[in-house]
Amino acid sequence: MTYTEELTLVQEWDKTFPESDKVDHQKVTFHNRYGITLVADMYTPKNASGKLPAIAVSGPFGAVKEQCSGLYAQTLAERGFLTIAFDPSFTGESSGQPRYMASPDINTEDFQAAVDFLSTHILVDPERIGICGICGWGGMAINAAALDTRIKATVVSTMYDMSRVNANGYFDESDNEETRYATKLALNEQRTKDYAADEYTLGGGVVDPLPDDAPYFVKDYYDYYKTERGYHPRSLNSNGGWNVIGCMSFMNQPINTYSNEIRSAVLIMHGEKAHSSYFGKDAYEAMTKDSKYADNKELLIIEGASHTDLYDGGENNVIPFDKLEAFYNEYLK
């Protein structure tokens, strides 16, 4: 059963963060159950011995593994974990046609495919596998943890619930049937145009140039995706964005429905100043309310941090890697 496609991969270091001399790095590929080949950067602690605990990392939504997820993966590898940072289906170096599509099902499956790969890797202890989802892939990580019993520990960083934001808009300001219907009309009109033209129209990445009256969170995104801090040529958010219709299925396919039944450990962390913090707070509440499995769930609010500060640490290096290391060590033992 061989599905993996032959892809031409970039071999030189092209990340938005410096290469560490404490880990070994290589490109790896694996497939999901839809036959899509996923590409990942694998980071292995130097001089590691025995079977290692392993962590699969992905996100943010519209980013690539050369950005935030790679930084998380490399840093956790420095602390003793075998890690992979992967590009989701239809994005980055991973395969999948047409490009720049998203799916609550397929993107949850991407995490499970990463667990497939790690579970069968010669250097990995299959009983000690965790995942980490950043931004929109935080929501997907929770969804995967609710489905995949092989996942023993999940970290969710500066999360978005992509179903909620697509159906309700930012801050739930469009949470009504009339607005949703208008959105569906526009998206389905776009589907007809795309089919007739035999190509998909891009929705645009982070706005550039930045308007003077841009909301705080748009400025926060611009400061990461459109500057030397985080720009990458394969990143959707840094460039042309998703297809206009690329994320429409999230509107009526809610994720995290059964998060209340997750038995494994989950750490949700958010910046105090992040516009998105309501996603993490509400996800934690839903996960723990009347749950038999609340004891190993934790919400961590990081004082003074914005949404993108948890992408790369921001000016004050606020990503609590000591906390992440302790959390994974506790639950991947």
Foldseek 3Di string as FASTA:
>chain_A
DDLADDFDDDDDQDALDDDDPQWDWDKDWFAFPVSWIKIKIKTAGPPDDAAFFEEEEEDDDQFACSFQRVVLQNVVNSVTHTYIYIDAEQADRIYHPPHQFDDLVRRLRVRVRVLVVQLPDPRHDQQQYAYEYEAQRLLSRLLNLLPDPSHFEYEYELYDQLLQCLQQNQPSVRNDDVSNVVLVVVLVVQVVVCVVVVHFAFPAAQDPPDDPPDDPVSVVLCVADQDSSHDDPRGQNNTRHGGPNRSNVSNPPGGPPPLLARQHAYEYEYEPAESSVVRRVVSLCVNPVVHPRNPRYYYHYFYPDYSCCCSQVPPNNRPPVVVVSVSSVVRSD
